[in-house]
Each structure stands twice: as C-alpha cells, then as structure tokens.
PDB file of all heavy atoms in Angstrom:
ATOM      1  N   ILE A   1      -1.483  -8.694   4.778  1.00  0.00           N
ATOM      2  CA  ILE A   1      -2.363  -7.557   4.516  1.00  0.00           C
ATOM      3  C   ILE A   1      -3.404  -7.972   3.521  1.00  0.00           C
ATOM      4  O   ILE A   1      -3.087  -8.483   2.433  1.00  0.00           O
ATOM      5  CB  ILE A   1      -1.592  -6.349   4.030  1.00  0.00           C
ATOM      6  CG1 ILE A   1      -0.533  -5.934   5.107  1.00  0.00           C
ATOM      7  CG2 ILE A   1      -2.467  -5.188   3.662  1.00  0.00           C
ATOM      8  CD1 ILE A   1       0.503  -4.964   4.608  1.00  0.00           C
ATOM      9  N   GLU A   2      -4.658  -7.742   3.859  1.00  0.00           N
ATOM     10  CA  GLU A   2      -5.764  -8.167   2.974  1.00  0.00           C
ATOM     11  C   GLU A   2      -6.697  -7.040   2.693  1.00  0.00           C
ATOM     12  O   GLU A   2      -7.237  -6.392   3.628  1.00  0.00           O
ATOM     13  CB  GLU A   2      -6.565  -9.292   3.630  1.00  0.00           C
ATOM     14  CG  GLU A   2      -5.708 -10.605   3.877  1.00  0.00           C
ATOM     15  CD  GLU A   2      -6.537 -11.626   4.579  1.00  0.00           C
ATOM     16  OE1 GLU A   2      -6.985 -11.364   5.767  1.00  0.00           O
ATOM     17  OE2 GLU A   2      -6.638 -12.753   4.078  1.00  0.00           O
ATOM     18  N   HIS A   3      -6.835  -6.684   1.427  1.00  0.00           N
ATOM     19  CA  HIS A   3      -7.834  -5.734   0.939  1.00  0.00           C
ATOM     20  C   HIS A   3      -7.758  -4.381   1.671  1.00  0.00           C
ATOM     21  O   HIS A   3      -8.810  -3.757   1.990  1.00  0.00           O
ATOM     22  CB  HIS A   3      -9.231  -6.289   1.071  1.00  0.00           C
ATOM     23  CG  HIS A   3      -9.387  -7.668   0.416  1.00  0.00           C
ATOM     24  ND1 HIS A   3      -9.229  -7.875  -0.952  1.00  0.00           N
ATOM     25  CD2 HIS A   3      -9.617  -8.881   0.968  1.00  0.00           C
ATOM     26  CE1 HIS A   3      -9.360  -9.169  -1.214  1.00  0.00           C
ATOM     27  NE2 HIS A   3      -9.613  -9.847  -0.082  1.00  0.00           N
ATOM     28  N   LEU A   4      -6.540  -3.909   1.898  1.00  0.00           N
ATOM     29  CA  LEU A   4      -6.325  -2.675   2.645  1.00  0.00           C
ATOM     30  C   LEU A   4      -6.738  -1.460   1.780  1.00  0.00           C
ATOM     31  O   LEU A   4      -6.396  -1.392   0.587  1.00  0.00           O
ATOM     32  CB  LEU A   4      -4.882  -2.569   2.992  1.00  0.00           C
ATOM     33  CG  LEU A   4      -4.469  -1.393   3.908  1.00  0.00           C
ATOM     34  CD1 LEU A   4      -5.056  -1.522   5.276  1.00  0.00           C
ATOM     35  CD2 LEU A   4      -2.942  -1.251   3.956  1.00  0.00           C
ATOM     36  N   SER A   5      -7.510  -0.565   2.430  1.00  0.00           N
ATOM     37  CA  SER A   5      -7.872   0.658   1.731  1.00  0.00           C
ATOM     38  C   SER A   5      -7.746   1.824   2.629  1.00  0.00           C
ATOM     39  O   SER A   5      -7.783   1.649   3.880  1.00  0.00           O
ATOM     40  CB  SER A   5      -9.334   0.537   1.187  1.00  0.00           C
ATOM     41  OG  SER A   5     -10.223   0.455   2.279  1.00  0.00           O
ATOM     42  N   LYS A   6      -7.551   3.017   2.087  1.00  0.00           N
ATOM     43  CA  LYS A   6      -7.437   4.212   2.887  1.00  0.00           C
ATOM     44  C   LYS A   6      -7.943   5.411   2.103  1.00  0.00           C
ATOM     45  O   LYS A   6      -7.555   5.585   0.940  1.00  0.00           O
ATOM     46  CB  LYS A   6      -5.937   4.485   3.271  1.00  0.00           C
ATOM     47  CG  LYS A   6      -5.727   5.776   4.051  1.00  0.00           C
ATOM     48  CD  LYS A   6      -6.528   5.804   5.361  1.00  0.00           C
ATOM     49  CE  LYS A   6      -6.283   7.158   6.080  1.00  0.00           C
ATOM     50  NZ  LYS A   6      -7.142   7.228   7.350  1.00  0.00           N
ATOM     51  N   LYS A   7      -8.864   6.174   2.744  1.00  0.00           N
ATOM     52  CA  LYS A   7      -9.430   7.403   2.139  1.00  0.00           C
ATOM     53  C   LYS A   7      -9.094   8.573   3.072  1.00  0.00           C
ATOM     54  O   LYS A   7      -9.123   8.431   4.277  1.00  0.00           O
ATOM     55  CB  LYS A   7     -10.925   7.259   1.957  1.00  0.00           C
ATOM     56  CG  LYS A   7     -11.351   6.237   0.945  1.00  0.00           C
ATOM     57  CD  LYS A   7     -12.890   6.209   0.841  1.00  0.00           C
ATOM     58  CE  LYS A   7     -13.398   5.188  -0.140  1.00  0.00           C
ATOM     59  NZ  LYS A   7     -14.862   5.144  -0.183  1.00  0.00           N
ATOM     60  N   PHE A   8      -8.877   9.711   2.476  1.00  0.00           N
ATOM     61  CA  PHE A   8      -8.803  10.964   3.220  1.00  0.00           C
ATOM     62  C   PHE A   8      -9.950  11.818   2.649  1.00  0.00           C
ATOM     63  O   PHE A   8      -9.820  12.424   1.601  1.00  0.00           O
ATOM     64  CB  PHE A   8      -7.496  11.696   3.064  1.00  0.00           C
ATOM     65  CG  PHE A   8      -6.331  10.970   3.665  1.00  0.00           C
ATOM     66  CD1 PHE A   8      -5.463  10.153   2.945  1.00  0.00           C
ATOM     67  CD2 PHE A   8      -6.060  11.081   5.047  1.00  0.00           C
ATOM     68  CE1 PHE A   8      -4.393   9.468   3.510  1.00  0.00           C
ATOM     69  CE2 PHE A   8      -4.998  10.383   5.637  1.00  0.00           C
ATOM     70  CZ  PHE A   8      -4.198   9.586   4.892  1.00  0.00           C
ATOM     71  N   GLY A   9     -11.104  11.807   3.295  1.00  0.00           N
ATOM     72  CA  GLY A   9     -12.249  12.471   2.769  1.00  0.00           C
ATOM     73  C   GLY A   9     -12.714  11.728   1.523  1.00  0.00           C
ATOM     74  O   GLY A   9     -12.946  10.504   1.507  1.00  0.00           O
ATOM     75  N   ASP A  10     -12.816  12.477   0.388  1.00  0.00           N
ATOM     76  CA  ASP A  10     -13.185  11.852  -0.883  1.00  0.00           C
ATOM     77  C   ASP A  10     -11.957  11.299  -1.673  1.00  0.00           C
ATOM     78  O   ASP A  10     -12.149  10.680  -2.657  1.00  0.00           O
ATOM     79  CB  ASP A  10     -13.907  12.893  -1.698  1.00  0.00           C
ATOM     80  CG  ASP A  10     -15.304  13.289  -1.157  1.00  0.00           C
ATOM     81  OD1 ASP A  10     -15.877  12.440  -0.433  1.00  0.00           O
ATOM     82  OD2 ASP A  10     -15.693  14.437  -1.350  1.00  0.00           O
ATOM     83  N   LEU A  11     -10.783  11.593  -1.122  1.00  0.00           N
ATOM     84  CA  LEU A  11      -9.581  11.123  -1.821  1.00  0.00           C
ATOM     85  C   LEU A  11      -9.202   9.716  -1.467  1.00  0.00           C
ATOM     86  O   LEU A  11      -8.962   9.417  -0.308  1.00  0.00           O
ATOM     87  CB  LEU A  11      -8.380  12.092  -1.473  1.00  0.00           C
ATOM     88  CG  LEU A  11      -7.035  11.707  -2.110  1.00  0.00           C
ATOM     89  CD1 LEU A  11      -7.115  11.820  -3.592  1.00  0.00           C
ATOM     90  CD2 LEU A  11      -5.944  12.612  -1.519  1.00  0.00           C
ATOM     91  N   VAL A  12      -9.236   8.835  -2.480  1.00  0.00           N
ATOM     92  CA  VAL A  12      -8.885   7.433  -2.242  1.00  0.00           C
ATOM     93  C   VAL A  12      -7.368   7.278  -2.483  1.00  0.00           C
ATOM     94  O   VAL A  12      -6.859   7.470  -3.564  1.00  0.00           O
ATOM     95  CB  VAL A  12      -9.681   6.516  -3.223  1.00  0.00           C
ATOM     96  CG1 VAL A  12      -9.268   5.053  -2.995  1.00  0.00           C
ATOM     97  CG2 VAL A  12     -11.156   6.699  -3.036  1.00  0.00           C
ATOM     98  N   VAL A  13      -6.643   6.938  -1.462  1.00  0.00           N
ATOM     99  CA  VAL A  13      -5.185   6.782  -1.547  1.00  0.00           C
ATOM    100  C   VAL A  13      -4.734   5.393  -1.723  1.00  0.00           C
ATOM    101  O   VAL A  13      -3.830   5.124  -2.507  1.00  0.00           O
ATOM    102  CB  VAL A  13      -4.535   7.450  -0.279  1.00  0.00           C
ATOM    103  CG1 VAL A  13      -2.996   7.343  -0.332  1.00  0.00           C
ATOM    104  CG2 VAL A  13      -4.985   8.886  -0.081  1.00  0.00           C
ATOM    105  N   LEU A  14      -5.376   4.476  -1.034  1.00  0.00           N
ATOM    106  CA  LEU A  14      -5.061   3.074  -1.186  1.00  0.00           C
ATOM    107  C   LEU A  14      -6.311   2.320  -1.601  1.00  0.00           C
ATOM    108  O   LEU A  14      -7.369   2.499  -1.072  1.00  0.00           O
ATOM    109  CB  LEU A  14      -4.523   2.450   0.136  1.00  0.00           C
ATOM    110  CG  LEU A  14      -3.226   2.979   0.694  1.00  0.00           C
ATOM    111  CD1 LEU A  14      -2.858   2.284   1.998  1.00  0.00           C
ATOM    112  CD2 LEU A  14      -2.068   2.749  -0.349  1.00  0.00           C
ATOM    113  N   LYS A  15      -6.138   1.342  -2.537  1.00  0.00           N
ATOM    114  CA  LYS A  15      -7.270   0.624  -3.149  1.00  0.00           C
ATOM    115  C   LYS A  15      -6.977  -0.905  -3.084  1.00  0.00           C
ATOM    116  O   LYS A  15      -6.123  -1.362  -3.835  1.00  0.00           O
ATOM    117  CB  LYS A  15      -7.504   1.025  -4.616  1.00  0.00           C
ATOM    118  CG  LYS A  15      -7.634   2.493  -4.843  1.00  0.00           C
ATOM    119  CD  LYS A  15      -7.658   2.799  -6.313  1.00  0.00           C
ATOM    120  CE  LYS A  15      -7.649   4.295  -6.630  1.00  0.00           C
ATOM    121  NZ  LYS A  15      -7.576   4.537  -8.077  1.00  0.00           N
ATOM    122  N   ASP A  16      -7.596  -1.610  -2.183  1.00  0.00           N
ATOM    123  CA  ASP A  16      -7.551  -3.069  -2.198  1.00  0.00           C
ATOM    124  C   ASP A  16      -6.194  -3.643  -2.288  1.00  0.00           C
ATOM    125  O   ASP A  16      -5.799  -4.413  -3.173  1.00  0.00           O
ATOM    126  CB  ASP A  16      -8.369  -3.552  -3.381  1.00  0.00           C
ATOM    127  CG  ASP A  16      -8.739  -5.066  -3.221  1.00  0.00           C
ATOM    128  OD1 ASP A  16      -8.690  -5.562  -2.066  1.00  0.00           O
ATOM    129  OD2 ASP A  16      -9.026  -5.727  -4.236  1.00  0.00           O
ATOM    130  N   VAL A  17      -5.273  -3.246  -1.339  1.00  0.00           N
ATOM    131  CA  VAL A  17      -3.912  -3.729  -1.298  1.00  0.00           C
ATOM    132  C   VAL A  17      -3.843  -5.046  -0.550  1.00  0.00           C
ATOM    133  O   VAL A  17      -4.262  -5.105   0.589  1.00  0.00           O
ATOM    134  CB  VAL A  17      -2.996  -2.715  -0.631  1.00  0.00           C
ATOM    135  CG1 VAL A  17      -1.558  -3.269  -0.538  1.00  0.00           C
ATOM    136  CG2 VAL A  17      -2.959  -1.413  -1.457  1.00  0.00           C
ATOM    137  N   THR A  18      -3.364  -6.089  -1.212  1.00  0.00           N
ATOM    138  CA  THR A  18      -3.215  -7.384  -0.546  1.00  0.00           C
ATOM    139  C   THR A  18      -1.773  -7.920  -0.797  1.00  0.00           C
ATOM    140  O   THR A  18      -1.330  -7.967  -1.902  1.00  0.00           O
ATOM    141  CB  THR A  18      -4.213  -8.426  -1.132  1.00  0.00           C
ATOM    142  OG1 THR A  18      -5.515  -7.977  -0.842  1.00  0.00           O
ATOM    143  CG2 THR A  18      -3.980  -9.794  -0.561  1.00  0.00           C
ATOM    144  N   ILE A  19      -1.102  -8.242   0.303  1.00  0.00           N
ATOM    145  CA  ILE A  19       0.289  -8.711   0.191  1.00  0.00           C
ATOM    146  C   ILE A  19       0.731  -9.407   1.434  1.00  0.00           C
ATOM    147  O   ILE A  19       0.165  -9.201   2.539  1.00  0.00           O
ATOM    148  CB  ILE A  19       1.253  -7.460  -0.023  1.00  0.00           C
ATOM    149  CG1 ILE A  19       2.666  -7.927  -0.410  1.00  0.00           C
ATOM    150  CG2 ILE A  19       1.249  -6.559   1.196  1.00  0.00           C
ATOM    151  CD1 ILE A  19       2.868  -8.462  -1.746  1.00  0.00           C
ATOM    152  N   GLU A  20       1.645 -10.399   1.313  1.00  0.00           N
ATOM    153  CA  GLU A  20       2.227 -11.077   2.432  1.00  0.00           C
ATOM    154  C   GLU A  20       3.731 -10.833   2.459  1.00  0.00           C
ATOM    155  O   GLU A  20       4.352 -10.813   1.368  1.00  0.00           O
ATOM    156  CB  GLU A  20       1.903 -12.602   2.407  1.00  0.00           C
ATOM    157  CG  GLU A  20       0.480 -12.892   2.637  1.00  0.00           C
ATOM    158  CD  GLU A  20       0.249 -14.432   2.736  1.00  0.00           C
ATOM    159  OE1 GLU A  20       1.250 -15.150   2.941  1.00  0.00           O
ATOM    160  OE2 GLU A  20      -0.920 -14.877   2.695  1.00  0.00           O
ATOM    161  N   ILE A  21       4.275 -10.604   3.617  1.00  0.00           N
ATOM    162  CA  ILE A  21       5.731 -10.393   3.841  1.00  0.00           C
ATOM    163  C   ILE A  21       6.222 -11.465   4.823  1.00  0.00           C
ATOM    164  O   ILE A  21       5.719 -11.533   5.931  1.00  0.00           O
ATOM    165  CB  ILE A  21       6.066  -8.985   4.279  1.00  0.00           C
ATOM    166  CG1 ILE A  21       5.566  -7.955   3.308  1.00  0.00           C
ATOM    167  CG2 ILE A  21       7.570  -8.855   4.528  1.00  0.00           C
ATOM    168  CD1 ILE A  21       5.676  -6.551   3.785  1.00  0.00           C
ATOM    169  N   LYS A  22       7.126 -12.278   4.360  1.00  0.00           N
ATOM    170  CA  LYS A  22       7.661 -13.359   5.281  1.00  0.00           C
ATOM    171  C   LYS A  22       8.763 -12.854   6.168  1.00  0.00           C
ATOM    172  O   LYS A  22       9.407 -11.855   5.877  1.00  0.00           O
ATOM    173  CB  LYS A  22       8.151 -14.509   4.397  1.00  0.00           C
ATOM    174  CG  LYS A  22       7.118 -15.187   3.499  1.00  0.00           C
ATOM    175  CD  LYS A  22       7.718 -16.220   2.608  1.00  0.00           C
ATOM    176  CE  LYS A  22       6.656 -16.846   1.702  1.00  0.00           C
ATOM    177  NZ  LYS A  22       7.265 -17.842   0.768  1.00  0.00           N
ATOM    178  N   ALA A  23       8.955 -13.584   7.257  1.00  0.00           N
ATOM    179  CA  ALA A  23      10.065 -13.279   8.146  1.00  0.00           C
ATOM    180  C   ALA A  23      11.417 -13.295   7.429  1.00  0.00           C
ATOM    181  O   ALA A  23      11.705 -14.206   6.696  1.00  0.00           O
ATOM    182  CB  ALA A  23      10.112 -14.248   9.332  1.00  0.00           C
ATOM    183  N   GLY A  24      12.196 -12.239   7.624  1.00  0.00           N
ATOM    184  CA  GLY A  24      13.491 -12.191   6.986  1.00  0.00           C
ATOM    185  C   GLY A  24      13.480 -11.588   5.619  1.00  0.00           C
ATOM    186  O   GLY A  24      14.588 -11.355   5.050  1.00  0.00           O
ATOM    187  N   GLU A  25      12.294 -11.295   5.039  1.00  0.00           N
ATOM    188  CA  GLU A  25      12.242 -10.706   3.708  1.00  0.00           C
ATOM    189  C   GLU A  25      12.517  -9.214   3.731  1.00  0.00           C
ATOM    190  O   GLU A  25      12.180  -8.545   4.736  1.00  0.00           O
ATOM    191  CB  GLU A  25      10.848 -10.888   3.101  1.00  0.00           C
ATOM    192  CG  GLU A  25      10.687 -12.123   2.263  1.00  0.00           C
ATOM    193  CD  GLU A  25       9.455 -12.111   1.382  1.00  0.00           C
ATOM    194  OE1 GLU A  25       8.367 -11.821   1.869  1.00  0.00           O
ATOM    195  OE2 GLU A  25       9.592 -12.342   0.151  1.00  0.00           O
ATOM    196  N   VAL A  26      13.140  -8.747   2.649  1.00  0.00           N
ATOM    197  CA  VAL A  26      13.309  -7.322   2.461  1.00  0.00           C
ATOM    198  C   VAL A  26      12.533  -6.879   1.229  1.00  0.00           C
ATOM    199  O   VAL A  26      12.740  -7.375   0.130  1.00  0.00           O
ATOM    200  CB  VAL A  26      14.801  -6.935   2.258  1.00  0.00           C
ATOM    201  CG1 VAL A  26      14.962  -5.431   2.025  1.00  0.00           C
ATOM    202  CG2 VAL A  26      15.634  -7.370   3.454  1.00  0.00           C
ATOM    203  N   ILE A  27      11.496  -6.075   1.452  1.00  0.00           N
ATOM    204  CA  ILE A  27      10.562  -5.656   0.404  1.00  0.00           C
ATOM    205  C   ILE A  27      10.880  -4.150   0.078  1.00  0.00           C
ATOM    206  O   ILE A  27      10.802  -3.297   0.977  1.00  0.00           O
ATOM    207  CB  ILE A  27       9.119  -5.828   0.833  1.00  0.00           C
ATOM    208  CG1 ILE A  27       8.832  -7.219   1.295  1.00  0.00           C
ATOM    209  CG2 ILE A  27       8.193  -5.397  -0.276  1.00  0.00           C
ATOM    210  CD1 ILE A  27       8.914  -8.285   0.209  1.00  0.00           C
ATOM    211  N   SER A  28      11.167  -3.854  -1.151  1.00  0.00           N
ATOM    212  CA  SER A  28      11.286  -2.490  -1.593  1.00  0.00           C
ATOM    213  C   SER A  28      10.041  -2.064  -2.323  1.00  0.00           C
ATOM    214  O   SER A  28       9.519  -2.831  -3.109  1.00  0.00           O
ATOM    215  CB  SER A  28      12.502  -2.283  -2.512  1.00  0.00           C
ATOM    216  OG  SER A  28      13.716  -2.347  -1.793  1.00  0.00           O
ATOM    217  N   ILE A  29       9.565  -0.877  -1.989  1.00  0.00           N
ATOM    218  CA  ILE A  29       8.322  -0.364  -2.568  1.00  0.00           C
ATOM    219  C   ILE A  29       8.691   0.827  -3.349  1.00  0.00           C
ATOM    220  O   ILE A  29       9.188   1.848  -2.872  1.00  0.00           O
ATOM    221  CB  ILE A  29       7.292   0.019  -1.486  1.00  0.00           C
ATOM    222  CG1 ILE A  29       7.043  -1.226  -0.613  1.00  0.00           C
ATOM    223  CG2 ILE A  29       5.999   0.510  -2.087  1.00  0.00           C
ATOM    224  CD1 ILE A  29       6.442  -0.867   0.776  1.00  0.00           C
ATOM    225  N   ILE A  30       8.454   0.760  -4.720  1.00  0.00           N
ATOM    226  CA  ILE A  30       8.791   1.828  -5.595  1.00  0.00           C
ATOM    227  C   ILE A  30       7.615   2.322  -6.362  1.00  0.00           C
ATOM    228  O   ILE A  30       6.568   1.669  -6.288  1.00  0.00           O
ATOM    229  CB  ILE A  30       9.938   1.338  -6.583  1.00  0.00           C
ATOM    230  CG1 ILE A  30       9.338   0.266  -7.512  1.00  0.00           C
ATOM    231  CG2 ILE A  30      11.195   0.914  -5.879  1.00  0.00           C
ATOM    232  CD1 ILE A  30      10.303  -0.131  -8.647  1.00  0.00           C
ATOM    233  N   GLY A  31       7.694   3.473  -6.986  1.00  0.00           N
ATOM    234  CA  GLY A  31       6.595   4.001  -7.786  1.00  0.00           C
ATOM    235  C   GLY A  31       6.672   5.509  -7.774  1.00  0.00           C
ATOM    236  O   GLY A  31       7.377   6.112  -7.057  1.00  0.00           O
ATOM    237  N   PRO A  32       5.810   6.129  -8.629  1.00  0.00           N
ATOM    238  CA  PRO A  32       5.805   7.589  -8.679  1.00  0.00           C
ATOM    239  C   PRO A  32       5.374   8.278  -7.426  1.00  0.00           C
ATOM    240  O   PRO A  32       4.739   7.578  -6.545  1.00  0.00           O
ATOM    241  CB  PRO A  32       4.777   7.862  -9.809  1.00  0.00           C
ATOM    242  CG  PRO A  32       4.594   6.581 -10.549  1.00  0.00           C
ATOM    243  CD  PRO A  32       4.912   5.472  -9.593  1.00  0.00           C
ATOM    244  N   SER A  33       5.695   9.504  -7.205  1.00  0.00           N
ATOM    245  CA  SER A  33       5.250  10.203  -6.048  1.00  0.00           C
ATOM    246  C   SER A  33       3.746  10.340  -6.043  1.00  0.00           C
ATOM    247  O   SER A  33       3.063  10.463  -7.105  1.00  0.00           O
ATOM    248  CB  SER A  33       5.866  11.619  -6.061  1.00  0.00           C
ATOM    249  OG  SER A  33       7.271  11.560  -5.983  1.00  0.00           O
ATOM    250  N   GLY A  34       3.139  10.274  -4.808  1.00  0.00           N
ATOM    251  CA  GLY A  34       1.697  10.480  -4.693  1.00  0.00           C
ATOM    252  C   GLY A  34       0.848   9.283  -4.992  1.00  0.00           C
ATOM    253  O   GLY A  34      -0.336   9.410  -5.248  1.00  0.00           O
ATOM    254  N   THR A  35       1.498   8.083  -5.015  1.00  0.00           N
ATOM    255  CA  THR A  35       0.679   6.877  -5.342  1.00  0.00           C
ATOM    256  C   THR A  35       0.404   6.012  -4.120  1.00  0.00           C
ATOM    257  O   THR A  35       0.036   4.871  -4.256  1.00  0.00           O
ATOM    258  CB  THR A  35       1.492   6.020  -6.381  1.00  0.00           C
ATOM    259  OG1 THR A  35       2.782   5.747  -5.856  1.00  0.00           O
ATOM    260  CG2 THR A  35       1.563   6.704  -7.668  1.00  0.00           C
ATOM    261  N   GLY A  36       0.629   6.551  -2.897  1.00  0.00           N
ATOM    262  CA  GLY A  36       0.193   5.847  -1.671  1.00  0.00           C
ATOM    263  C   GLY A  36       1.249   5.025  -0.997  1.00  0.00           C
ATOM    264  O   GLY A  36       0.994   4.287  -0.033  1.00  0.00           O
ATOM    265  N   LYS A  37       2.543   5.129  -1.443  1.00  0.00           N
ATOM    266  CA  LYS A  37       3.596   4.244  -0.819  1.00  0.00           C
ATOM    267  C   LYS A  37       3.759   4.585   0.663  1.00  0.00           C
ATOM    268  O   LYS A  37       3.810   3.676   1.491  1.00  0.00           O
ATOM    269  CB  LYS A  37       4.913   4.464  -1.566  1.00  0.00           C
ATOM    270  CG  LYS A  37       4.844   4.179  -3.083  1.00  0.00           C
ATOM    271  CD  LYS A  37       6.158   4.310  -3.746  1.00  0.00           C
ATOM    272  CE  LYS A  37       6.836   5.676  -3.616  1.00  0.00           C
ATOM    273  NZ  LYS A  37       6.034   6.700  -4.245  1.00  0.00           N
ATOM    274  N   SER A  38       3.931   5.868   1.001  1.00  0.00           N
ATOM    275  CA  SER A  38       4.130   6.198   2.397  1.00  0.00           C
ATOM    276  C   SER A  38       2.894   5.985   3.244  1.00  0.00           C
ATOM    277  O   SER A  38       2.983   5.488   4.377  1.00  0.00           O
ATOM    278  CB  SER A  38       4.589   7.717   2.487  1.00  0.00           C
ATOM    279  OG  SER A  38       5.833   7.913   1.969  1.00  0.00           O
TER     280      SER A  38
END
C-alpha cells in the first residue's frame, strides 16, 4: 500500500498510509476509536 488516502467530503480519514504485508504475516491494527482503522 502506497500513499493511501481517503476523504468523506471535507473529512480526511486516512492520510498518506504506506505499508507492506508479507505472505503469512499477521498484522494487528490498534489505536483509538475514530482514527481510520476500519
């Protein structure tokens, strides 16, 4: 994933997300509610 962004109208939910996930990896995504995880 390279420089991923997502807006809903004027609301910026994702900002420049860059990450690689290898085959067989288990990635847990944590953080406060409302920070764009889902």
